[in-house]
């Protein structure tokens, strides 16, 4: 059950981090204003707290593994929010990142 919980936390973290960065981007680059930027800052701070809820207590491992989720989530967010269409190399790279995340986070370890 802890792998399912961990994966769910990665997804929630990605929503807050990627969503927060997107809101800041919209506020600054698309001139949507301070409310968008403020919402983004709050979402980014929330991401930091969500990351601490991972069952694994190793900061470096959790953040390194999260990088793979961030890559895939960023591509998905771009597709949903901005109409981005990844090419085969984007998809291949994202799958490699997810494989790396799984190895870093869930490989059996001798403790």
PDB file of N, CA and C in Angstrom:
ATOM      1  N   UNK A   1       0.813  -1.202   0.000  1.00  0.00           N
ATOM      2  CA  UNK A   1       0.000   0.000   0.000  1.00  0.00           C
ATOM      3  C   UNK A   1       0.857   1.267   0.000  1.00  0.00           C
ATOM      4  N   UNK A   2       2.060   1.200   0.533  1.00  0.00           N
ATOM      5  CA  UNK A   2       2.871   2.408   0.599  1.00  0.00           C
ATOM      6  C   UNK A   2       3.321   2.870  -0.786  1.00  0.00           C
ATOM      7  N   UNK A   3       3.458   1.946  -1.770  1.00  0.00           N
ATOM      8  CA  UNK A   3       3.814   2.365  -3.131  1.00  0.00           C
ATOM      9  C   UNK A   3       2.649   3.147  -3.739  1.00  0.00           C
ATOM     10  N   UNK A   4       1.431   2.688  -3.536  1.00  0.00           N
ATOM     11  CA  UNK A   4       0.263   3.397  -4.058  1.00  0.00           C
ATOM     12  C   UNK A   4       0.155   4.772  -3.411  1.00  0.00           C
ATOM     13  N   UNK A   5       0.346   4.829  -2.100  1.00  0.00           N
ATOM     14  CA  UNK A   5       0.313   6.130  -1.389  1.00  0.00           C
ATOM     15  C   UNK A   5       1.405   7.042  -1.913  1.00  0.00           C
ATOM     16  N   UNK A   6       2.591   6.503  -2.092  1.00  0.00           N
ATOM     17  CA  UNK A   6       3.712   7.289  -2.591  1.00  0.00           C
ATOM     18  C   UNK A   6       3.420   7.834  -3.990  1.00  0.00           C
ATOM     19  N   UNK A   7       2.903   6.987  -4.874  1.00  0.00           N
ATOM     20  CA  UNK A   7       2.572   7.440  -6.224  1.00  0.00           C
ATOM     21  C   UNK A   7       1.499   8.527  -6.193  1.00  0.00           C
ATOM     22  N   UNK A   8       0.500   8.351  -5.346  1.00  0.00           N
ATOM     23  CA  UNK A   8      -0.555   9.369  -5.217  1.00  0.00           C
ATOM     24  C   UNK A   8       0.029  10.694  -4.733  1.00  0.00           C
ATOM     25  N   UNK A   9       0.945  10.624  -3.771  1.00  0.00           N
ATOM     26  CA  UNK A   9       1.581  11.849  -3.281  1.00  0.00           C
ATOM     27  C   UNK A   9       2.421  12.512  -4.364  1.00  0.00           C
ATOM     28  N   UNK A  10       3.088  11.719  -5.194  1.00  0.00           N
ATOM     29  CA  UNK A  10       3.837  12.293  -6.306  1.00  0.00           C
ATOM     30  C   UNK A  10       2.908  13.028  -7.267  1.00  0.00           C
ATOM     31  N   UNK A  11       1.748  12.446  -7.542  1.00  0.00           N
ATOM     32  CA  UNK A  11       0.793  13.087  -8.449  1.00  0.00           C
ATOM     33  C   UNK A  11       0.278  14.392  -7.847  1.00  0.00           C
ATOM     34  N   UNK A  12      -0.072  14.376  -6.570  1.00  0.00           N
ATOM     35  CA  UNK A  12      -0.555  15.590  -5.903  1.00  0.00           C
ATOM     36  C   UNK A  12       0.551  16.655  -5.889  1.00  0.00           C
ATOM     37  N   UNK A  13       1.775  16.238  -5.573  1.00  0.00           N
ATOM     38  CA  UNK A  13       2.895  17.187  -5.579  1.00  0.00           C
ATOM     39  C   UNK A  13       3.069  17.807  -6.955  1.00  0.00           C
ATOM     40  N   UNK A  14       2.980  16.987  -7.991  1.00  0.00           N
ATOM     41  CA  UNK A  14       3.140  17.495  -9.352  1.00  0.00           C
ATOM     42  C   UNK A  14       2.040  18.504  -9.696  1.00  0.00           C
ATOM     43  N   UNK A  15       0.812  18.212  -9.281  1.00  0.00           N
ATOM     44  CA  UNK A  15      -0.268  19.160  -9.554  1.00  0.00           C
ATOM     45  C   UNK A  15       0.014  20.513  -8.917  1.00  0.00           C
ATOM     46  N   UNK A  16       0.490  20.506  -7.680  1.00  0.00           N
ATOM     47  CA  UNK A  16       0.788  21.776  -7.014  1.00  0.00           C
ATOM     48  C   UNK A  16       2.013  22.466  -7.610  1.00  0.00           C
ATOM     49  N   UNK A  17       3.081  21.720  -7.874  1.00  0.00           N
ATOM     50  CA  UNK A  17       4.284  22.374  -8.385  1.00  0.00           C
ATOM     51  C   UNK A  17       4.103  22.856  -9.819  1.00  0.00           C
ATOM     52  N   UNK A  18       3.632  21.976 -10.675  1.00  0.00           N
ATOM     53  CA  UNK A  18       3.476  22.352 -12.082  1.00  0.00           C
ATOM     54  C   UNK A  18       2.376  23.396 -12.225  1.00  0.00           C
ATOM     55  N   UNK A  19       1.282  23.190 -11.503  1.00  0.00           N
ATOM     56  CA  UNK A  19       0.202  24.178 -11.534  1.00  0.00           C
ATOM     57  C   UNK A  19       0.652  25.528 -11.010  1.00  0.00           C
ATOM     58  N   UNK A  20       1.435  25.512  -9.936  1.00  0.00           N
ATOM     59  CA  UNK A  20       1.942  26.765  -9.389  1.00  0.00           C
ATOM     60  C   UNK A  20       2.878  27.479 -10.347  1.00  0.00           C
ATOM     61  N   UNK A  21       3.768  26.728 -10.961  1.00  0.00           N
ATOM     62  CA  UNK A  21       4.685  27.329 -11.933  1.00  0.00           C
ATOM     63  C   UNK A  21       3.909  27.868 -13.133  1.00  0.00           C
ATOM     64  N   UNK A  22       2.877  27.143 -13.560  1.00  0.00           N
ATOM     65  CA  UNK A  22       2.058  27.598 -14.685  1.00  0.00           C
ATOM     66  C   UNK A  22       1.329  28.896 -14.339  1.00  0.00           C
ATOM     67  N   UNK A  23       0.811  28.976 -13.101  1.00  0.00           N
ATOM     68  CA  UNK A  23       0.129  30.208 -12.686  1.00  0.00           C
ATOM     69  C   UNK A  23       1.085  31.398 -12.671  1.00  0.00           C
ATOM     70  N   UNK A  24       2.293  31.199 -12.166  1.00  0.00           N
ATOM     71  CA  UNK A  24       3.290  32.277 -12.177  1.00  0.00           C
ATOM     72  C   UNK A  24       3.610  32.661 -13.627  1.00  0.00           C
ATOM     73  N   UNK A  25       3.806  31.653 -14.467  1.00  0.00           N
ATOM     74  CA  UNK A  25       4.076  31.899 -15.894  1.00  0.00           C
ATOM     75  C   UNK A  25       2.955  32.751 -16.512  1.00  0.00           C
ATOM     76  N   UNK A  26       1.719  32.353 -16.247  1.00  0.00           N
ATOM     77  CA  UNK A  26       0.579  33.097 -16.786  1.00  0.00           C
ATOM     78  C   UNK A  26       0.546  34.526 -16.245  1.00  0.00           C
ATOM     79  N   UNK A  27       0.830  34.673 -14.957  1.00  0.00           N
ATOM     80  CA  UNK A  27       0.805  35.993 -14.354  1.00  0.00           C
ATOM     81  C   UNK A  27       1.862  36.918 -14.916  1.00  0.00           C
ATOM     82  N   UNK A  28       3.061  36.381 -15.154  1.00  0.00           N
ATOM     83  CA  UNK A  28       4.171  37.209 -15.621  1.00  0.00           C
ATOM     84  C   UNK A  28       4.201  37.298 -17.145  1.00  0.00           C
ATOM     85  N   UNK A  29       4.300  36.159 -17.805  1.00  0.00           N
ATOM     86  CA  UNK A  29       4.509  36.156 -19.266  1.00  0.00           C
ATOM     87  C   UNK A  29       3.255  36.483 -20.056  1.00  0.00           C
ATOM     88  N   UNK A  30       2.102  36.124 -19.512  1.00  0.00           N
ATOM     89  CA  UNK A  30       0.847  36.402 -20.209  1.00  0.00           C
ATOM     90  C   UNK A  30       0.124  37.614 -19.615  1.00  0.00           C
ATOM     91  N   UNK A  31       0.793  38.300 -18.679  1.00  0.00           N
ATOM     92  CA  UNK A  31       0.307  39.565 -18.095  1.00  0.00           C
ATOM     93  C   UNK A  31      -1.088  39.428 -17.471  1.00  0.00           C
ATOM     94  N   UNK A  32      -1.282  38.316 -16.734  1.00  0.00           N
ATOM     95  CA  UNK A  32      -2.589  38.114 -16.107  1.00  0.00           C
ATOM     96  C   UNK A  32      -2.664  38.693 -14.702  1.00  0.00           C
ATOM     97  N   UNK A  33      -1.548  39.149 -14.174  1.00  0.00           N
ATOM     98  CA  UNK A  33      -1.581  39.901 -12.935  1.00  0.00           C
ATOM     99  C   UNK A  33      -1.113  39.165 -11.692  1.00  0.00           C
ATOM    100  N   UNK A  34      -1.133  39.949 -10.623  1.00  0.00           N
ATOM    101  CA  UNK A  34      -0.594  39.492  -9.343  1.00  0.00           C
ATOM    102  C   UNK A  34      -1.418  38.391  -8.699  1.00  0.00           C
ATOM    103  N   UNK A  35      -2.707  38.350  -8.944  1.00  0.00           N
ATOM    104  CA  UNK A  35      -3.526  37.286  -8.348  1.00  0.00           C
ATOM    105  C   UNK A  35      -3.072  35.924  -8.861  1.00  0.00           C
ATOM    106  N   UNK A  36      -2.766  35.828 -10.140  1.00  0.00           N
ATOM    107  CA  UNK A  36      -2.267  34.574 -10.714  1.00  0.00           C
ATOM    108  C   UNK A  36      -0.907  34.232 -10.113  1.00  0.00           C
ATOM    109  N   UNK A  37      -0.049  35.233 -10.003  1.00  0.00           N
ATOM    110  CA  UNK A  37       1.281  35.005  -9.429  1.00  0.00           C
ATOM    111  C   UNK A  37       1.154  34.559  -7.975  1.00  0.00           C
ATOM    112  N   UNK A  38       0.308  35.243  -7.200  1.00  0.00           N
ATOM    113  CA  UNK A  38       0.108  34.876  -5.801  1.00  0.00           C
ATOM    114  C   UNK A  38      -0.437  33.474  -5.646  1.00  0.00           C
ATOM    115  N   UNK A  39      -1.387  33.104  -6.480  1.00  0.00           N
ATOM    116  CA  UNK A  39      -1.910  31.741  -6.447  1.00  0.00           C
ATOM    117  C   UNK A  39      -0.826  30.728  -6.756  1.00  0.00           C
ATOM    118  N   UNK A  40       0.039  31.070  -7.702  1.00  0.00           N
ATOM    119  CA  UNK A  40       1.148  30.189  -8.046  1.00  0.00           C
ATOM    120  C   UNK A  40       2.130  30.018  -6.904  1.00  0.00           C
ATOM    121  N   UNK A  41       2.437  31.101  -6.223  1.00  0.00           N
ATOM    122  CA  UNK A  41       3.360  31.038  -5.082  1.00  0.00           C
ATOM    123  C   UNK A  41       2.781  30.159  -3.976  1.00  0.00           C
ATOM    124  N   UNK A  42       1.494  30.294  -3.709  1.00  0.00           N
ATOM    125  CA  UNK A  42       0.838  29.459  -2.689  1.00  0.00           C
ATOM    126  C   UNK A  42       0.880  27.988  -3.097  1.00  0.00           C
ATOM    127  N   UNK A  43       0.586  27.715  -4.363  1.00  0.00           N
ATOM    128  CA  UNK A  43       0.618  26.327  -4.841  1.00  0.00           C
ATOM    129  C   UNK A  43       2.025  25.752  -4.742  1.00  0.00           C
ATOM    130  N   UNK A  44       3.032  26.543  -5.099  1.00  0.00           N
ATOM    131  CA  UNK A  44       4.416  26.063  -5.012  1.00  0.00           C
ATOM    132  C   UNK A  44       4.817  25.765  -3.568  1.00  0.00           C
ATOM    133  N   UNK A  45       4.387  26.601  -2.641  1.00  0.00           N
ATOM    134  CA  UNK A  45       4.682  26.341  -1.230  1.00  0.00           C
ATOM    135  C   UNK A  45       3.974  25.066  -0.769  1.00  0.00           C
ATOM    136  N   UNK A  46       2.755  24.865  -1.220  1.00  0.00           N
ATOM    137  CA  UNK A  46       2.010  23.657  -0.851  1.00  0.00           C
ATOM    138  C   UNK A  46       2.714  22.412  -1.365  1.00  0.00           C
ATOM    139  N   UNK A  47       3.251  22.483  -2.573  1.00  0.00           N
ATOM    140  CA  UNK A  47       4.037  21.369  -3.119  1.00  0.00           C
ATOM    141  C   UNK A  47       5.138  20.965  -2.145  1.00  0.00           C
ATOM    142  N   UNK A  48       5.836  21.932  -1.584  1.00  0.00           N
ATOM    143  CA  UNK A  48       6.918  21.629  -0.649  1.00  0.00           C
ATOM    144  C   UNK A  48       6.434  20.833   0.547  1.00  0.00           C
ATOM    145  N   UNK A  49       5.251  21.134   1.032  1.00  0.00           N
ATOM    146  CA  UNK A  49       4.709  20.389   2.161  1.00  0.00           C
ATOM    147  C   UNK A  49       4.263  18.989   1.751  1.00  0.00           C
ATOM    148  N   UNK A  50       3.662  18.869   0.581  1.00  0.00           N
ATOM    149  CA  UNK A  50       3.205  17.556   0.111  1.00  0.00           C
ATOM    150  C   UNK A  50       4.398  16.610  -0.021  1.00  0.00           C
ATOM    151  N   UNK A  51       5.512  17.115  -0.508  1.00  0.00           N
ATOM    152  CA  UNK A  51       6.706  16.271  -0.680  1.00  0.00           C
ATOM    153  C   UNK A  51       7.165  15.654   0.647  1.00  0.00           C
ATOM    154  N   UNK A  52       6.938  16.342   1.739  1.00  0.00           N
ATOM    155  CA  UNK A  52       7.373  15.819   3.045  1.00  0.00           C
ATOM    156  C   UNK A  52       6.525  14.647   3.523  1.00  0.00           C
ATOM    157  N   UNK A  53       5.410  14.388   2.886  1.00  0.00           N
ATOM    158  CA  UNK A  53       4.510  13.308   3.297  1.00  0.00           C
ATOM    159  C   UNK A  53       4.892  11.950   2.711  1.00  0.00           C
ATOM    160  N   UNK A  54       5.899  11.920   1.850  1.00  0.00           N
ATOM    161  CA  UNK A  54       6.339  10.644   1.272  1.00  0.00           C
ATOM    162  C   UNK A  54       6.758   9.677   2.373  1.00  0.00           C
ATOM    163  N   UNK A  55       6.439   8.389   2.224  1.00  0.00           N
ATOM    164  CA  UNK A  55       6.812   7.406   3.247  1.00  0.00           C
ATOM    165  C   UNK A  55       8.325   7.237   3.404  1.00  0.00           C
ATOM    166  N   UNK A  56       9.077   7.411   2.318  1.00  0.00           N
ATOM    167  CA  UNK A  56      10.531   7.312   2.392  1.00  0.00           C
ATOM    168  C   UNK A  56      11.073   8.595   3.004  1.00  0.00           C
ATOM    169  N   UNK A  57      11.958   8.473   3.980  1.00  0.00           N
ATOM    170  CA  UNK A  57      12.469   9.631   4.692  1.00  0.00           C
ATOM    171  C   UNK A  57      13.718  10.251   4.105  1.00  0.00           C
ATOM    172  N   UNK A  58      14.191   9.766   2.983  1.00  0.00           N
ATOM    173  CA  UNK A  58      15.417  10.293   2.373  1.00  0.00           C
ATOM    174  C   UNK A  58      15.078  11.417   1.398  1.00  0.00           C
ATOM    175  N   UNK A  59      15.400  12.644   1.794  1.00  0.00           N
ATOM    176  CA  UNK A  59      15.098  13.819   0.978  1.00  0.00           C
ATOM    177  C   UNK A  59      15.653  13.688  -0.437  1.00  0.00           C
ATOM    178  N   UNK A  60      16.914  13.333  -0.553  1.00  0.00           N
ATOM    179  CA  UNK A  60      17.545  13.240  -1.865  1.00  0.00           C
ATOM    180  C   UNK A  60      16.868  12.226  -2.764  1.00  0.00           C
ATOM    181  N   UNK A  61      16.519  11.087  -2.212  1.00  0.00           N
ATOM    182  CA  UNK A  61      15.857  10.044  -2.992  1.00  0.00           C
ATOM    183  C   UNK A  61      14.470  10.507  -3.439  1.00  0.00           C
ATOM    184  N   UNK A  62      13.715  11.066  -2.528  1.00  0.00           N
ATOM    185  CA  UNK A  62      12.354  11.492  -2.853  1.00  0.00           C
ATOM    186  C   UNK A  62      12.372  12.561  -3.945  1.00  0.00           C
ATOM    187  N   UNK A  63      13.226  13.559  -3.796  1.00  0.00           N
ATOM    188  CA  UNK A  63      13.252  14.631  -4.790  1.00  0.00           C
ATOM    189  C   UNK A  63      13.830  14.172  -6.115  1.00  0.00           C
ATOM    190  N   UNK A  64      14.805  13.281  -6.087  1.00  0.00           N
ATOM    191  CA  UNK A  64      15.352  12.742  -7.337  1.00  0.00           C
ATOM    192  C   UNK A  64      14.288  11.938  -8.070  1.00  0.00           C
ATOM    193  N   UNK A  65      13.577  11.090  -7.349  1.00  0.00           N
ATOM    194  CA  UNK A  65      12.517  10.288  -7.970  1.00  0.00           C
ATOM    195  C   UNK A  65      11.392  11.183  -8.475  1.00  0.00           C
ATOM    196  N   UNK A  66      11.058  12.194  -7.710  1.00  0.00           N
ATOM    197  CA  UNK A  66       9.987  13.109  -8.116  1.00  0.00           C
ATOM    198  C   UNK A  66      10.308  13.769  -9.454  1.00  0.00           C
ATOM    199  N   UNK A  67      11.584  13.935  -9.749  1.00  0.00           N
ATOM    200  CA  UNK A  67      11.968  14.538 -11.019  1.00  0.00           C
ATOM    201  C   UNK A  67      11.343  13.833 -12.209  1.00  0.00           C
ATOM    202  N   UNK A  68      11.263  12.506 -12.160  1.00  0.00           N
ATOM    203  CA  UNK A  68      10.638  11.758 -13.251  1.00  0.00           C
ATOM    204  C   UNK A  68       9.160  12.063 -13.373  1.00  0.00           C
ATOM    205  N   UNK A  69       8.495  12.172 -12.229  1.00  0.00           N
ATOM    206  CA  UNK A  69       7.070  12.500 -12.223  1.00  0.00           C
ATOM    207  C   UNK A  69       6.869  13.923 -12.743  1.00  0.00           C
ATOM    208  N   UNK A  70       7.758  14.820 -12.362  1.00  0.00           N
ATOM    209  CA  UNK A  70       7.686  16.208 -12.814  1.00  0.00           C
ATOM    210  C   UNK A  70       7.782  16.293 -14.337  1.00  0.00           C
ATOM    211  N   UNK A  71       8.689  15.535 -14.922  1.00  0.00           N
ATOM    212  CA  UNK A  71       8.857  15.552 -16.377  1.00  0.00           C
ATOM    213  C   UNK A  71       7.567  15.117 -17.065  1.00  0.00           C
ATOM    214  N   UNK A  72       7.025  13.986 -16.651  1.00  0.00           N
ATOM    215  CA  UNK A  72       5.798  13.470 -17.266  1.00  0.00           C
ATOM    216  C   UNK A  72       4.630  14.416 -16.999  1.00  0.00           C
ATOM    217  N   UNK A  73       4.532  14.901 -15.776  1.00  0.00           N
ATOM    218  CA  UNK A  73       3.455  15.821 -15.425  1.00  0.00           C
ATOM    219  C   UNK A  73       3.520  17.124 -16.201  1.00  0.00           C
ATOM    220  N   UNK A  74       4.718  17.616 -16.439  1.00  0.00           N
ATOM    221  CA  UNK A  74       4.872  18.863 -17.198  1.00  0.00           C
ATOM    222  C   UNK A  74       4.401  18.696 -18.632  1.00  0.00           C
ATOM    223  N   UNK A  75       4.746  17.569 -19.229  1.00  0.00           N
ATOM    224  CA  UNK A  75       4.283  17.311 -20.592  1.00  0.00           C
ATOM    225  C   UNK A  75       2.761  17.190 -20.616  1.00  0.00           C
ATOM    226  N   UNK A  76       2.204  16.447 -19.663  1.00  0.00           N
ATOM    227  CA  UNK A  76       0.745  16.283 -19.598  1.00  0.00           C
ATOM    228  C   UNK A  76       0.054  17.625 -19.366  1.00  0.00           C
ATOM    229  N   UNK A  77       0.601  18.445 -18.476  1.00  0.00           N
ATOM    230  CA  UNK A  77       0.011  19.758 -18.195  1.00  0.00           C
ATOM    231  C   UNK A  77       0.035  20.622 -19.454  1.00  0.00           C
ATOM    232  N   UNK A  78       1.164  20.612 -20.150  1.00  0.00           N
ATOM    233  CA  UNK A  78       1.256  21.386 -21.379  1.00  0.00           C
ATOM    234  C   UNK A  78       0.242  20.944 -22.422  1.00  0.00           C
ATOM    235  N   UNK A  79       0.003  19.646 -22.483  1.00  0.00           N
ATOM    236  CA  UNK A  79      -0.997  19.120 -23.420  1.00  0.00           C
ATOM    237  C   UNK A  79      -2.393  19.599 -23.034  1.00  0.00           C
ATOM    238  N   UNK A  80      -2.721  19.500 -21.752  1.00  0.00           N
ATOM    239  CA  UNK A  80      -4.066  19.841 -21.286  1.00  0.00           C
ATOM    240  C   UNK A  80      -4.316  21.354 -21.266  1.00  0.00           C
ATOM    241  N   UNK A  81      -3.335  22.115 -20.813  1.00  0.00           N
ATOM    242  CA  UNK A  81      -3.553  23.546 -20.594  1.00  0.00           C
ATOM    243  C   UNK A  81      -3.192  24.419 -21.793  1.00  0.00           C
ATOM    244  N   UNK A  82      -2.225  23.974 -22.578  1.00  0.00           N
ATOM    245  CA  UNK A  82      -1.715  24.842 -23.634  1.00  0.00           C
ATOM    246  C   UNK A  82      -1.757  24.227 -25.034  1.00  0.00           C
ATOM    247  N   UNK A  83      -2.305  23.029 -25.154  1.00  0.00           N
ATOM    248  CA  UNK A  83      -2.391  22.408 -26.459  1.00  0.00           C
ATOM    249  C   UNK A  83      -1.065  21.884 -27.002  1.00  0.00           C
ATOM    250  N   UNK A  84      -0.093  21.705 -26.116  1.00  0.00           N
ATOM    251  CA  UNK A  84       1.218  21.187 -26.510  1.00  0.00           C
ATOM    252  C   UNK A  84       1.080  19.763 -27.027  1.00  0.00           C
ATOM    253  N   UNK A  85       1.773  19.431 -28.089  1.00  0.00           N
ATOM    254  CA  UNK A  85       1.753  18.083 -28.645  1.00  0.00           C
ATOM    255  C   UNK A  85       3.168  17.508 -28.618  1.00  0.00           C
ATOM    256  N   UNK A  86       3.413  16.576 -27.688  1.00  0.00           N
ATOM    257  CA  UNK A  86       4.758  15.999 -27.600  1.00  0.00           C
ATOM    258  C   UNK A  86       5.061  15.132 -28.824  1.00  0.00           C
ATOM    259  N   UNK A  87       6.344  15.123 -29.206  1.00  0.00           N
ATOM    260  CA  UNK A  87       6.741  14.223 -30.285  1.00  0.00           C
ATOM    261  C   UNK A  87       7.258  12.916 -29.681  1.00  0.00           C
ATOM    262  N   UNK A  88       7.685  12.010 -30.519  1.00  0.00           N
ATOM    263  CA  UNK A  88       8.111  10.692 -30.031  1.00  0.00           C
ATOM    264  C   UNK A  88       9.303  10.785 -29.089  1.00  0.00           C
ATOM    265  N   UNK A  89      10.142  11.792 -29.263  1.00  0.00           N
ATOM    266  CA  UNK A  89      11.309  11.939 -28.386  1.00  0.00           C
ATOM    267  C   UNK A  89      10.899  12.457 -27.012  1.00  0.00           C
ATOM    268  N   UNK A  90       9.904  13.320 -26.969  1.00  0.00           N
ATOM    269  CA  UNK A  90       9.354  13.760 -25.683  1.00  0.00           C
ATOM    270  C   UNK A  90       8.792  12.563 -24.923  1.00  0.00           C
ATOM    271  N   UNK A  91       8.018  11.743 -25.624  1.00  0.00           N
ATOM    272  CA  UNK A  91       7.399  10.571 -25.002  1.00  0.00           C
ATOM    273  C   UNK A  91       8.469   9.575 -24.557  1.00  0.00           C
ATOM    274  N   UNK A  92       9.450   9.326 -25.406  1.00  0.00           N
ATOM    275  CA  UNK A  92      10.538   8.402 -25.056  1.00  0.00           C
ATOM    276  C   UNK A  92      11.290   8.903 -23.834  1.00  0.00           C
ATOM    277  N   UNK A  93      11.632  10.168 -23.825  1.00  0.00           N
ATOM    278  CA  UNK A  93      12.343  10.741 -22.679  1.00  0.00           C
ATOM    279  C   UNK A  93      11.526  10.661 -21.405  1.00  0.00           C
ATOM    280  N   UNK A  94      10.221  10.929 -21.512  1.00  0.00           N
ATOM    281  CA  UNK A  94       9.350  10.866 -20.339  1.00  0.00           C
ATOM    282  C   UNK A  94       9.284   9.448 -19.785  1.00  0.00           C
ATOM    283  N   UNK A  95       9.195   8.458 -20.667  1.00  0.00           N
ATOM    284  CA  UNK A  95       9.166   7.065 -20.208  1.00  0.00           C
ATOM    285  C   UNK A  95      10.479   6.674 -19.538  1.00  0.00           C
ATOM    286  N   UNK A  96      11.592   7.148 -20.075  1.00  0.00           N
ATOM    287  CA  UNK A  96      12.892   6.894 -19.436  1.00  0.00           C
ATOM    288  C   UNK A  96      12.923   7.512 -18.036  1.00  0.00           C
ATOM    289  N   UNK A  97      12.402   8.726 -17.924  1.00  0.00           N
ATOM    290  CA  UNK A  97      12.359   9.386 -16.610  1.00  0.00           C
ATOM    291  C   UNK A  97      11.500   8.615 -15.621  1.00  0.00           C
ATOM    292  N   UNK A  98      10.357   8.105 -16.068  1.00  0.00           N
ATOM    293  CA  UNK A  98       9.496   7.312 -15.180  1.00  0.00           C
ATOM    294  C   UNK A  98      10.181   6.018 -14.751  1.00  0.00           C
ATOM    295  N   UNK A  99      10.890   5.396 -15.670  1.00  0.00           N
ATOM    296  CA  UNK A  99      11.633   4.186 -15.308  1.00  0.00           C
ATOM    297  C   UNK A  99      12.688   4.510 -14.262  1.00  0.00           C
ATOM    298  N   UNK A 100      13.389   5.610 -14.436  1.00  0.00           N
ATOM    299  CA  UNK A 100      14.376   6.035 -13.448  1.00  0.00           C
ATOM    300  C   UNK A 100      13.743   6.321 -12.099  1.00  0.00           C
ATOM    301  N   UNK A 101      12.575   6.957 -12.109  1.00  0.00           N
ATOM    302  CA  UNK A 101      11.861   7.232 -10.864  1.00  0.00           C
ATOM    303  C   UNK A 101      11.546   5.934 -10.145  1.00  0.00           C
ATOM    304  N   UNK A 102      11.070   4.942 -10.885  1.00  0.00           N
ATOM    305  CA  UNK A 102      10.696   3.669 -10.263  1.00  0.00           C
ATOM    306  C   UNK A 102      11.907   2.970  -9.660  1.00  0.00           C
ATOM    307  N   UNK A 103      13.026   3.009 -10.348  1.00  0.00           N
ATOM    308  CA  UNK A 103      14.243   2.380  -9.824  1.00  0.00           C
ATOM    309  C   UNK A 103      14.718   3.116  -8.570  1.00  0.00           C
ATOM    310  N   UNK A 104      14.780   4.424  -8.634  1.00  0.00           N
ATOM    311  CA  UNK A 104      15.269   5.209  -7.493  1.00  0.00           C
ATOM    312  C   UNK A 104      14.372   5.009  -6.274  1.00  0.00           C
ATOM    313  N   UNK A 105      13.073   5.048  -6.481  1.00  0.00           N
ATOM    314  CA  UNK A 105      12.162   5.077  -5.351  1.00  0.00           C
ATOM    315  C   UNK A 105      11.762   3.700  -4.839  1.00  0.00           C
ATOM    316  N   UNK A 106      11.589   2.731  -5.734  1.00  0.00           N
ATOM    317  CA  UNK A 106      10.943   1.488  -5.330  1.00  0.00           C
ATOM    318  C   UNK A 106      11.795   0.240  -5.482  1.00  0.00           C
ATOM    319  N   UNK A 107      13.059   0.362  -5.871  1.00  0.00           N
ATOM    320  CA  UNK A 107      13.920  -0.823  -5.956  1.00  0.00           C
ATOM    321  C   UNK A 107      14.114  -1.413  -4.559  1.00  0.00           C
ATOM    322  N   UNK A 108      14.169  -2.734  -4.447  1.00  0.00           N
ATOM    323  CA  UNK A 108      14.390  -3.342  -3.125  1.00  0.00           C
ATOM    324  C   UNK A 108      15.751  -2.935  -2.575  1.00  0.00           C
ATOM    325  N   UNK A 109      15.787  -2.618  -1.313  1.00  0.00           N
ATOM    326  CA  UNK A 109      17.032  -2.192  -0.665  1.00  0.00           C
ATOM    327  C   UNK A 109      17.258  -3.041   0.579  1.00  0.00           C
ATOM    328  N   UNK A 110      18.509  -3.253   0.876  1.00  0.00           N
ATOM    329  CA  UNK A 110      18.882  -3.935   2.127  1.00  0.00           C
ATOM    330  C   UNK A 110      19.040  -2.872   3.203  1.00  0.00           C
ATOM    331  N   UNK A 111      18.131  -2.848   4.139  1.00  0.00           N
ATOM    332  CA  UNK A 111      18.204  -1.844   5.220  1.00  0.00           C
ATOM    333  C   UNK A 111      18.616  -2.498   6.486  1.00  0.00           C
TER     334      UNK A 111
END
